[in-house]
């Protein structure tokens, strides 16, 4: 079954940027584009019945879709205007999609977006990648010379889905994958000067971290031999190291394990920080 790239739109500038990004990615990957909008009947508009309001919403969505269809006449596009809650509609759409693409307001507003809103719920609960695109995103940002930056953590199995997404995207764009692995000293070394000396004698932990990154990348290098790869290993917090490497990124790819708390689902501090601060689009990929 061919999965579409699905864009959720709500009329905001950020969602229109997400729609444009999704259209370009669908063309690159040879996939159809599905556009989803969720709406609720406004009983307060006594002069407009349900069918009239549905017509207004549908025309607004159609206008946004026309601009994408005109830019990509070869692209197969379908549109679904669904009555009901946005979280349910987008989660259902994501389940049947190659990826779900949403608009992001970035700094400031992103805090509320990530702490219990529709976007937080969809990102945390869907088993498919979700890409967040900011208002103002332009095709020029995908030009040659900009990397697809991906965060790698743990062993090869831990990051397989994240690396697959990064390599597939880079292959479709003719881009370089910049794989980033951050590391910190285990707590035991902070309390043991003797352990630190032993660590120095063997050259530190960095060689082990470099080896772990190389092992995780090896199967994807073999599967995508035409994709250039740059390896970056650095001591520091994962979020800060990733953001420092993202200055020339056309896309940031991070993994996530969702966590349930009393106030709802959370996606983890690294993904949260990157979504809040990265200037480029960010793909959040669930770990397999």
C-alpha atoms as a PDB file:
ATOM      1  CA  UNK A   1       0.000   0.000   0.000  1.00  0.00           C
ATOM      2  CA  UNK A   2       1.322   3.430  -0.957  1.00  0.00           C
ATOM      3  CA  UNK A   3       1.181   5.805   1.976  1.00  0.00           C
ATOM      4  CA  UNK A   4       0.651   9.498   1.203  1.00  0.00           C
ATOM      5  CA  UNK A   5       2.467  12.405   2.748  1.00  0.00           C
ATOM      6  CA  UNK A   6      -0.251  14.093   4.786  1.00  0.00           C
ATOM      7  CA  UNK A   7      -0.400  17.781   5.684  1.00  0.00           C
ATOM      8  CA  UNK A   8      -2.666  19.142   8.393  1.00  0.00           C
ATOM      9  CA  UNK A   9      -3.878  22.656   7.583  1.00  0.00           C
ATOM     10  CA  UNK A  10      -5.771  25.189   9.682  1.00  0.00           C
ATOM     11  CA  UNK A  11      -5.397  28.406   7.686  1.00  0.00           C
ATOM     12  CA  UNK A  12      -2.431  29.771   9.637  1.00  0.00           C
ATOM     13  CA  UNK A  13       0.740  30.915   7.897  1.00  0.00           C
ATOM     14  CA  UNK A  14       2.673  28.082   9.538  1.00  0.00           C
ATOM     15  CA  UNK A  15       0.251  25.424   8.272  1.00  0.00           C
ATOM     16  CA  UNK A  16       0.435  26.851   4.750  1.00  0.00           C
ATOM     17  CA  UNK A  17       4.235  26.618   4.938  1.00  0.00           C
ATOM     18  CA  UNK A  18       3.808  23.014   6.088  1.00  0.00           C
ATOM     19  CA  UNK A  19       1.532  22.332   3.118  1.00  0.00           C
ATOM     20  CA  UNK A  20       4.154  23.695   0.732  1.00  0.00           C
ATOM     21  CA  UNK A  21       6.878  21.591   2.375  1.00  0.00           C
ATOM     22  CA  UNK A  22       4.708  18.473   2.188  1.00  0.00           C
ATOM     23  CA  UNK A  23       3.968  19.068  -1.501  1.00  0.00           C
ATOM     24  CA  UNK A  24       7.649  19.383  -2.391  1.00  0.00           C
ATOM     25  CA  UNK A  25       8.549  16.282  -0.386  1.00  0.00           C
ATOM     26  CA  UNK A  26       5.748  14.277  -2.003  1.00  0.00           C
ATOM     27  CA  UNK A  27       7.051  15.192  -5.459  1.00  0.00           C
ATOM     28  CA  UNK A  28      10.618  14.212  -4.504  1.00  0.00           C
ATOM     29  CA  UNK A  29       9.509  10.845  -3.147  1.00  0.00           C
ATOM     30  CA  UNK A  30       6.941  10.123  -5.870  1.00  0.00           C
ATOM     31  CA  UNK A  31       4.100   9.899  -3.324  1.00  0.00           C
ATOM     32  CA  UNK A  32       0.580  11.346  -3.290  1.00  0.00           C
ATOM     33  CA  UNK A  33      -0.295  14.292  -1.055  1.00  0.00           C
ATOM     34  CA  UNK A  34      -3.249  14.195   1.306  1.00  0.00           C
ATOM     35  CA  UNK A  35      -4.519  17.404   2.901  1.00  0.00           C
ATOM     36  CA  UNK A  36      -6.566  17.185   6.107  1.00  0.00           C
ATOM     37  CA  UNK A  37      -8.526  19.932   7.868  1.00  0.00           C
ATOM     38  CA  UNK A  38     -10.630  19.390  10.995  1.00  0.00           C
ATOM     39  CA  UNK A  39     -13.435  21.806  11.867  1.00  0.00           C
ATOM     40  CA  UNK A  40     -16.265  22.186  14.356  1.00  0.00           C
ATOM     41  CA  UNK A  41     -19.744  23.525  13.680  1.00  0.00           C
ATOM     42  CA  UNK A  42     -20.158  26.948  15.321  1.00  0.00           C
ATOM     43  CA  UNK A  43     -23.666  27.099  16.754  1.00  0.00           C
ATOM     44  CA  UNK A  44     -23.127  30.756  17.612  1.00  0.00           C
ATOM     45  CA  UNK A  45     -23.328  31.612  13.893  1.00  0.00           C
ATOM     46  CA  UNK A  46     -27.115  31.430  13.827  1.00  0.00           C
ATOM     47  CA  UNK A  47     -27.287  32.808  10.274  1.00  0.00           C
ATOM     48  CA  UNK A  48     -25.172  29.960   8.859  1.00  0.00           C
ATOM     49  CA  UNK A  49     -26.257  26.346   9.085  1.00  0.00           C
ATOM     50  CA  UNK A  50     -23.929  23.360   9.134  1.00  0.00           C
ATOM     51  CA  UNK A  51     -23.823  22.917   5.349  1.00  0.00           C
ATOM     52  CA  UNK A  52     -23.066  26.606   4.828  1.00  0.00           C
ATOM     53  CA  UNK A  53     -20.227  26.577   7.329  1.00  0.00           C
ATOM     54  CA  UNK A  54     -18.847  23.383   5.802  1.00  0.00           C
ATOM     55  CA  UNK A  55     -18.885  25.113   2.423  1.00  0.00           C
ATOM     56  CA  UNK A  56     -16.941  28.082   3.761  1.00  0.00           C
ATOM     57  CA  UNK A  57     -14.314  25.825   5.323  1.00  0.00           C
ATOM     58  CA  UNK A  58     -14.032  23.631   2.240  1.00  0.00           C
ATOM     59  CA  UNK A  59     -13.515  26.621  -0.041  1.00  0.00           C
ATOM     60  CA  UNK A  60     -10.754  27.985   2.191  1.00  0.00           C
ATOM     61  CA  UNK A  61      -8.940  24.658   2.166  1.00  0.00           C
ATOM     62  CA  UNK A  62      -9.433  24.304  -1.598  1.00  0.00           C
ATOM     63  CA  UNK A  63      -7.860  27.724  -2.146  1.00  0.00           C
ATOM     64  CA  UNK A  64      -4.745  26.694  -0.212  1.00  0.00           C
ATOM     65  CA  UNK A  65      -4.535  23.392  -2.084  1.00  0.00           C
ATOM     66  CA  UNK A  66      -4.885  25.081  -5.484  1.00  0.00           C
ATOM     67  CA  UNK A  67      -1.622  26.933  -4.983  1.00  0.00           C
ATOM     68  CA  UNK A  68       0.225  23.645  -4.356  1.00  0.00           C
ATOM     69  CA  UNK A  69      -1.488  21.890  -7.274  1.00  0.00           C
ATOM     70  CA  UNK A  70      -0.524  24.724  -9.622  1.00  0.00           C
ATOM     71  CA  UNK A  71       3.137  24.523  -8.581  1.00  0.00           C
ATOM     72  CA  UNK A  72       3.163  20.712  -8.912  1.00  0.00           C
ATOM     73  CA  UNK A  73       0.722  19.718 -11.677  1.00  0.00           C
ATOM     74  CA  UNK A  74       2.091  16.151 -11.658  1.00  0.00           C
ATOM     75  CA  UNK A  75       1.215  15.679  -7.972  1.00  0.00           C
ATOM     76  CA  UNK A  76      -1.826  13.579  -7.003  1.00  0.00           C
ATOM     77  CA  UNK A  77      -3.663  15.511  -4.270  1.00  0.00           C
ATOM     78  CA  UNK A  78      -6.645  14.492  -2.154  1.00  0.00           C
ATOM     79  CA  UNK A  79      -8.479  16.654   0.395  1.00  0.00           C
ATOM     80  CA  UNK A  80     -10.452  15.646   3.487  1.00  0.00           C
ATOM     81  CA  UNK A  81     -12.463  18.239   5.444  1.00  0.00           C
ATOM     82  CA  UNK A  82     -13.505  16.394   8.595  1.00  0.00           C
ATOM     83  CA  UNK A  83     -15.916  17.551  11.266  1.00  0.00           C
ATOM     84  CA  UNK A  84     -14.651  16.865  14.778  1.00  0.00           C
ATOM     85  CA  UNK A  85     -11.637  17.307  16.981  1.00  0.00           C
ATOM     86  CA  UNK A  86      -8.313  18.069  15.349  1.00  0.00           C
ATOM     87  CA  UNK A  87      -6.333  15.689  17.571  1.00  0.00           C
ATOM     88  CA  UNK A  88      -8.389  12.657  16.570  1.00  0.00           C
ATOM     89  CA  UNK A  89      -8.471  13.622  12.882  1.00  0.00           C
ATOM     90  CA  UNK A  90      -4.716  14.187  12.689  1.00  0.00           C
ATOM     91  CA  UNK A  91      -3.856  11.053  14.654  1.00  0.00           C
ATOM     92  CA  UNK A  92      -6.023   8.973  12.318  1.00  0.00           C
ATOM     93  CA  UNK A  93      -4.463  10.687   9.301  1.00  0.00           C
ATOM     94  CA  UNK A  94      -0.951  10.059  10.602  1.00  0.00           C
ATOM     95  CA  UNK A  95      -1.618   6.354  11.068  1.00  0.00           C
ATOM     96  CA  UNK A  96      -2.213   5.961   7.336  1.00  0.00           C
ATOM     97  CA  UNK A  97       0.565   8.325   6.199  1.00  0.00           C
ATOM     98  CA  UNK A  98       4.235   8.058   5.295  1.00  0.00           C
ATOM     99  CA  UNK A  99       4.617  11.134   7.470  1.00  0.00           C
ATOM    100  CA  UNK A 100       2.415  13.877   8.888  1.00  0.00           C
ATOM    101  CA  UNK A 101       3.444  17.497   8.293  1.00  0.00           C
ATOM    102  CA  UNK A 102       2.180  20.271  10.594  1.00  0.00           C
ATOM    103  CA  UNK A 103       2.806  23.969  11.033  1.00  0.00           C
ATOM    104  CA  UNK A 104       4.787  25.157  14.039  1.00  0.00           C
ATOM    105  CA  UNK A 105       4.870  28.601  15.599  1.00  0.00           C
ATOM    106  CA  UNK A 106       8.357  28.015  16.990  1.00  0.00           C
ATOM    107  CA  UNK A 107       9.630  30.291  19.765  1.00  0.00           C
ATOM    108  CA  UNK A 108       7.246  31.267  22.516  1.00  0.00           C
ATOM    109  CA  UNK A 109       4.014  29.846  21.178  1.00  0.00           C
ATOM    110  CA  UNK A 110       5.700  26.482  20.756  1.00  0.00           C
ATOM    111  CA  UNK A 111       5.806  26.075  24.534  1.00  0.00           C
ATOM    112  CA  UNK A 112       2.027  25.934  24.724  1.00  0.00           C
ATOM    113  CA  UNK A 113       1.908  23.829  21.568  1.00  0.00           C
ATOM    114  CA  UNK A 114       4.096  21.183  23.110  1.00  0.00           C
ATOM    115  CA  UNK A 115       2.584  21.048  26.588  1.00  0.00           C
ATOM    116  CA  UNK A 116      -0.729  19.341  25.992  1.00  0.00           C
ATOM    117  CA  UNK A 117      -2.141  20.789  22.766  1.00  0.00           C
ATOM    118  CA  UNK A 118      -3.183  18.974  19.600  1.00  0.00           C
ATOM    119  CA  UNK A 119       0.362  18.872  18.235  1.00  0.00           C
ATOM    120  CA  UNK A 120       1.795  17.447  21.450  1.00  0.00           C
ATOM    121  CA  UNK A 121      -0.797  14.692  21.522  1.00  0.00           C
ATOM    122  CA  UNK A 122      -0.290  13.737  17.878  1.00  0.00           C
ATOM    123  CA  UNK A 123       3.522  13.749  18.077  1.00  0.00           C
ATOM    124  CA  UNK A 124       3.569  11.695  21.269  1.00  0.00           C
ATOM    125  CA  UNK A 125       1.027   9.073  20.261  1.00  0.00           C
ATOM    126  CA  UNK A 126       1.433   8.441  16.536  1.00  0.00           C
ATOM    127  CA  UNK A 127       3.674   5.649  15.293  1.00  0.00           C
ATOM    128  CA  UNK A 128       4.589   7.653  12.180  1.00  0.00           C
ATOM    129  CA  UNK A 129       7.099  10.510  11.712  1.00  0.00           C
ATOM    130  CA  UNK A 130       5.739  14.004  12.295  1.00  0.00           C
ATOM    131  CA  UNK A 131       7.453  16.998  10.640  1.00  0.00           C
ATOM    132  CA  UNK A 132       7.031  20.481  12.111  1.00  0.00           C
ATOM    133  CA  UNK A 133       7.491  23.420   9.720  1.00  0.00           C
ATOM    134  CA  UNK A 134       7.648  27.074  10.716  1.00  0.00           C
ATOM    135  CA  UNK A 135       5.959  29.985   9.035  1.00  0.00           C
ATOM    136  CA  UNK A 136       8.315  31.530   6.519  1.00  0.00           C
ATOM    137  CA  UNK A 137       9.882  28.244   5.426  1.00  0.00           C
ATOM    138  CA  UNK A 138      10.924  28.509   1.771  1.00  0.00           C
ATOM    139  CA  UNK A 139      12.127  26.044  -0.913  1.00  0.00           C
ATOM    140  CA  UNK A 140      15.463  27.883  -1.020  1.00  0.00           C
ATOM    141  CA  UNK A 141      16.262  26.447   2.426  1.00  0.00           C
ATOM    142  CA  UNK A 142      16.435  23.005   0.786  1.00  0.00           C
ATOM    143  CA  UNK A 143      19.173  24.066  -1.611  1.00  0.00           C
ATOM    144  CA  UNK A 144      22.411  22.134  -2.032  1.00  0.00           C
ATOM    145  CA  UNK A 145      24.985  22.548   0.695  1.00  0.00           C
ATOM    146  CA  UNK A 146      22.513  22.237   3.556  1.00  0.00           C
ATOM    147  CA  UNK A 147      22.666  18.987   5.491  1.00  0.00           C
ATOM    148  CA  UNK A 148      20.027  16.662   6.854  1.00  0.00           C
ATOM    149  CA  UNK A 149      21.132  16.565  10.492  1.00  0.00           C
ATOM    150  CA  UNK A 150      20.153  13.517  12.535  1.00  0.00           C
ATOM    151  CA  UNK A 151      20.654  12.757  16.195  1.00  0.00           C
ATOM    152  CA  UNK A 152      21.906   9.228  16.950  1.00  0.00           C
ATOM    153  CA  UNK A 153      21.734   7.672  20.400  1.00  0.00           C
ATOM    154  CA  UNK A 154      22.257   4.193  21.810  1.00  0.00           C
ATOM    155  CA  UNK A 155      23.003   1.171  19.653  1.00  0.00           C
ATOM    156  CA  UNK A 156      22.145   0.424  16.009  1.00  0.00           C
ATOM    157  CA  UNK A 157      18.726  -0.981  16.878  1.00  0.00           C
ATOM    158  CA  UNK A 158      17.806   2.032  19.018  1.00  0.00           C
ATOM    159  CA  UNK A 159      18.182   4.522  16.179  1.00  0.00           C
ATOM    160  CA  UNK A 160      17.216   2.474  13.119  1.00  0.00           C
ATOM    161  CA  UNK A 161      13.984   4.341  12.380  1.00  0.00           C
ATOM    162  CA  UNK A 162      15.559   7.760  12.859  1.00  0.00           C
ATOM    163  CA  UNK A 163      18.510   6.961  10.593  1.00  0.00           C
ATOM    164  CA  UNK A 164      16.273   5.384   7.960  1.00  0.00           C
ATOM    165  CA  UNK A 165      14.189   8.557   7.753  1.00  0.00           C
ATOM    166  CA  UNK A 166      17.287  10.765   7.546  1.00  0.00           C
ATOM    167  CA  UNK A 167      18.934   8.693   4.795  1.00  0.00           C
ATOM    168  CA  UNK A 168      15.723   8.387   2.763  1.00  0.00           C
ATOM    169  CA  UNK A 169      15.205  12.145   2.946  1.00  0.00           C
ATOM    170  CA  UNK A 170      18.815  12.927   2.061  1.00  0.00           C
ATOM    171  CA  UNK A 171      18.701  10.501  -0.879  1.00  0.00           C
ATOM    172  CA  UNK A 172      15.561  12.178  -2.236  1.00  0.00           C
ATOM    173  CA  UNK A 173      17.187  15.611  -1.924  1.00  0.00           C
ATOM    174  CA  UNK A 174      20.767  14.834  -2.958  1.00  0.00           C
ATOM    175  CA  UNK A 175      21.901  16.033   0.485  1.00  0.00           C
ATOM    176  CA  UNK A 176      24.520  14.994   3.023  1.00  0.00           C
ATOM    177  CA  UNK A 177      23.531  13.242   6.232  1.00  0.00           C
ATOM    178  CA  UNK A 178      25.274  14.823   9.215  1.00  0.00           C
ATOM    179  CA  UNK A 179      24.980  12.268  12.022  1.00  0.00           C
ATOM    180  CA  UNK A 180      25.422  13.741  15.495  1.00  0.00           C
ATOM    181  CA  UNK A 181      26.108  11.788  18.670  1.00  0.00           C
ATOM    182  CA  UNK A 182      26.419  13.630  21.977  1.00  0.00           C
ATOM    183  CA  UNK A 183      27.865  12.063  25.089  1.00  0.00           C
ATOM    184  CA  UNK A 184      28.475  12.887  28.728  1.00  0.00           C
ATOM    185  CA  UNK A 185      30.576  11.277  31.447  1.00  0.00           C
ATOM    186  CA  UNK A 186      28.749   8.596  33.464  1.00  0.00           C
ATOM    187  CA  UNK A 187      28.050   9.835  37.027  1.00  0.00           C
ATOM    188  CA  UNK A 188      30.605   7.432  38.534  1.00  0.00           C
ATOM    189  CA  UNK A 189      33.481   9.443  37.041  1.00  0.00           C
ATOM    190  CA  UNK A 190      32.360  12.619  38.794  1.00  0.00           C
ATOM    191  CA  UNK A 191      33.056  10.990  42.162  1.00  0.00           C
ATOM    192  CA  UNK A 192      36.161   8.956  41.369  1.00  0.00           C
ATOM    193  CA  UNK A 193      39.456  10.697  40.513  1.00  0.00           C
ATOM    194  CA  UNK A 194      40.998   7.242  40.043  1.00  0.00           C
ATOM    195  CA  UNK A 195      38.422   6.350  37.413  1.00  0.00           C
ATOM    196  CA  UNK A 196      39.130   9.607  35.609  1.00  0.00           C
ATOM    197  CA  UNK A 197      42.846   8.743  35.475  1.00  0.00           C
ATOM    198  CA  UNK A 198      42.071   5.299  34.062  1.00  0.00           C
ATOM    199  CA  UNK A 199      39.837   6.958  31.497  1.00  0.00           C
ATOM    200  CA  UNK A 200      42.617   9.338  30.483  1.00  0.00           C
ATOM    201  CA  UNK A 201      45.058   6.437  30.154  1.00  0.00           C
ATOM    202  CA  UNK A 202      42.888   4.756  27.506  1.00  0.00           C
ATOM    203  CA  UNK A 203      42.247   7.970  25.586  1.00  0.00           C
ATOM    204  CA  UNK A 204      38.862   8.912  27.065  1.00  0.00           C
ATOM    205  CA  UNK A 205      35.359   7.860  26.123  1.00  0.00           C
ATOM    206  CA  UNK A 206      35.260   9.662  22.795  1.00  0.00           C
ATOM    207  CA  UNK A 207      36.784   6.754  20.790  1.00  0.00           C
ATOM    208  CA  UNK A 208      34.042   4.481  22.119  1.00  0.00           C
ATOM    209  CA  UNK A 209      31.367   7.014  21.142  1.00  0.00           C
ATOM    210  CA  UNK A 210      32.831   7.363  17.647  1.00  0.00           C
ATOM    211  CA  UNK A 211      32.849   3.593  17.259  1.00  0.00           C
ATOM    212  CA  UNK A 212      29.222   3.378  18.387  1.00  0.00           C
ATOM    213  CA  UNK A 213      28.179   6.027  15.849  1.00  0.00           C
ATOM    214  CA  UNK A 214      30.099   4.322  13.035  1.00  0.00           C
ATOM    215  CA  UNK A 215      28.469   0.975  13.828  1.00  0.00           C
ATOM    216  CA  UNK A 216      24.994   2.499  13.842  1.00  0.00           C
ATOM    217  CA  UNK A 217      25.625   4.210  10.485  1.00  0.00           C
ATOM    218  CA  UNK A 218      27.213   1.243   8.705  1.00  0.00           C
ATOM    219  CA  UNK A 219      24.035  -0.528   7.489  1.00  0.00           C
ATOM    220  CA  UNK A 220      22.601   2.749   6.196  1.00  0.00           C
ATOM    221  CA  UNK A 221      25.815   3.658   4.380  1.00  0.00           C
ATOM    222  CA  UNK A 222      25.562   0.284   2.642  1.00  0.00           C
ATOM    223  CA  UNK A 223      21.889   0.733   1.805  1.00  0.00           C
ATOM    224  CA  UNK A 224      22.385   4.309   0.533  1.00  0.00           C
ATOM    225  CA  UNK A 225      25.895   4.320  -0.982  1.00  0.00           C
ATOM    226  CA  UNK A 226      25.231   7.534  -2.894  1.00  0.00           C
ATOM    227  CA  UNK A 227      24.449   9.590   0.231  1.00  0.00           C
ATOM    228  CA  UNK A 228      27.471  11.447   1.662  1.00  0.00           C
ATOM    229  CA  UNK A 229      27.820  11.106   5.432  1.00  0.00           C
ATOM    230  CA  UNK A 230      29.529  13.389   7.936  1.00  0.00           C
ATOM    231  CA  UNK A 231      30.038  12.100  11.487  1.00  0.00           C
ATOM    232  CA  UNK A 232      30.014  14.458  14.464  1.00  0.00           C
ATOM    233  CA  UNK A 233      30.746  13.270  18.015  1.00  0.00           C
ATOM    234  CA  UNK A 234      30.846  15.844  20.795  1.00  0.00           C
ATOM    235  CA  UNK A 235      30.726  15.912  24.559  1.00  0.00           C
ATOM    236  CA  UNK A 236      27.719  17.828  25.851  1.00  0.00           C
ATOM    237  CA  UNK A 237      23.962  17.695  26.258  1.00  0.00           C
ATOM    238  CA  UNK A 238      22.221  16.177  23.248  1.00  0.00           C
ATOM    239  CA  UNK A 239      19.922  19.134  22.675  1.00  0.00           C
ATOM    240  CA  UNK A 240      22.692  21.712  22.724  1.00  0.00           C
ATOM    241  CA  UNK A 241      25.020  19.647  20.524  1.00  0.00           C
ATOM    242  CA  UNK A 242      22.262  19.069  17.957  1.00  0.00           C
ATOM    243  CA  UNK A 243      21.294  22.729  17.832  1.00  0.00           C
ATOM    244  CA  UNK A 244      24.949  23.762  17.429  1.00  0.00           C
ATOM    245  CA  UNK A 245      25.186  21.443  14.404  1.00  0.00           C
ATOM    246  CA  UNK A 246      21.968  22.753  12.867  1.00  0.00           C
ATOM    247  CA  UNK A 247      23.183  26.129  11.632  1.00  0.00           C
ATOM    248  CA  UNK A 248      23.264  24.975   7.994  1.00  0.00           C
ATOM    249  CA  UNK A 249      20.650  22.225   8.242  1.00  0.00           C
ATOM    250  CA  UNK A 250      17.735  21.946   5.830  1.00  0.00           C
ATOM    251  CA  UNK A 251      16.086  19.422   8.151  1.00  0.00           C
ATOM    252  CA  UNK A 252      16.678  18.173  11.683  1.00  0.00           C
ATOM    253  CA  UNK A 253      15.697  14.576  12.484  1.00  0.00           C
ATOM    254  CA  UNK A 254      15.322  13.449  16.093  1.00  0.00           C
ATOM    255  CA  UNK A 255      13.915  10.353  17.746  1.00  0.00           C
ATOM    256  CA  UNK A 256      11.426  10.241  20.543  1.00  0.00           C
ATOM    257  CA  UNK A 257      10.083   7.952  23.197  1.00  0.00           C
ATOM    258  CA  UNK A 258       6.805   9.258  24.548  1.00  0.00           C
ATOM    259  CA  UNK A 259       6.301   9.504  28.288  1.00  0.00           C
ATOM    260  CA  UNK A 260       2.915   9.591  29.995  1.00  0.00           C
ATOM    261  CA  UNK A 261       2.473  11.836  33.013  1.00  0.00           C
ATOM    262  CA  UNK A 262      -0.453  13.064  35.061  1.00  0.00           C
ATOM    263  CA  UNK A 263      -0.834  16.012  32.665  1.00  0.00           C
ATOM    264  CA  UNK A 264      -0.674  13.981  29.454  1.00  0.00           C
ATOM    265  CA  UNK A 265       1.856  12.689  26.988  1.00  0.00           C
ATOM    266  CA  UNK A 266       5.336  14.194  26.747  1.00  0.00           C
ATOM    267  CA  UNK A 267       7.901  13.640  24.024  1.00  0.00           C
ATOM    268  CA  UNK A 268      11.165  14.007  25.909  1.00  0.00           C
ATOM    269  CA  UNK A 269      13.449  16.950  26.608  1.00  0.00           C
ATOM    270  CA  UNK A 270      15.706  16.594  23.549  1.00  0.00           C
ATOM    271  CA  UNK A 271      12.878  16.613  21.004  1.00  0.00           C
ATOM    272  CA  UNK A 272      11.143  19.366  22.967  1.00  0.00           C
ATOM    273  CA  UNK A 273      14.237  21.578  22.977  1.00  0.00           C
ATOM    274  CA  UNK A 274      15.008  21.058  19.282  1.00  0.00           C
ATOM    275  CA  UNK A 275      11.414  21.799  18.281  1.00  0.00           C
ATOM    276  CA  UNK A 276      11.481  24.961  20.331  1.00  0.00           C
ATOM    277  CA  UNK A 277      14.787  26.361  19.072  1.00  0.00           C
ATOM    278  CA  UNK A 278      15.758  24.920  15.665  1.00  0.00           C
ATOM    279  CA  UNK A 279      15.210  27.330  12.785  1.00  0.00           C
ATOM    280  CA  UNK A 280      14.769  24.564  10.198  1.00  0.00           C
ATOM    281  CA  UNK A 281      11.929  22.033   9.895  1.00  0.00           C
ATOM    282  CA  UNK A 282      12.157  19.230  12.463  1.00  0.00           C
ATOM    283  CA  UNK A 283      11.122  15.608  11.928  1.00  0.00           C
ATOM    284  CA  UNK A 284      10.238  13.691  15.096  1.00  0.00           C
ATOM    285  CA  UNK A 285      10.523   9.950  14.463  1.00  0.00           C
ATOM    286  CA  UNK A 286       9.288   7.373  16.984  1.00  0.00           C
ATOM    287  CA  UNK A 287      11.853   4.776  17.987  1.00  0.00           C
ATOM    288  CA  UNK A 288      11.093   1.315  16.671  1.00  0.00           C
END
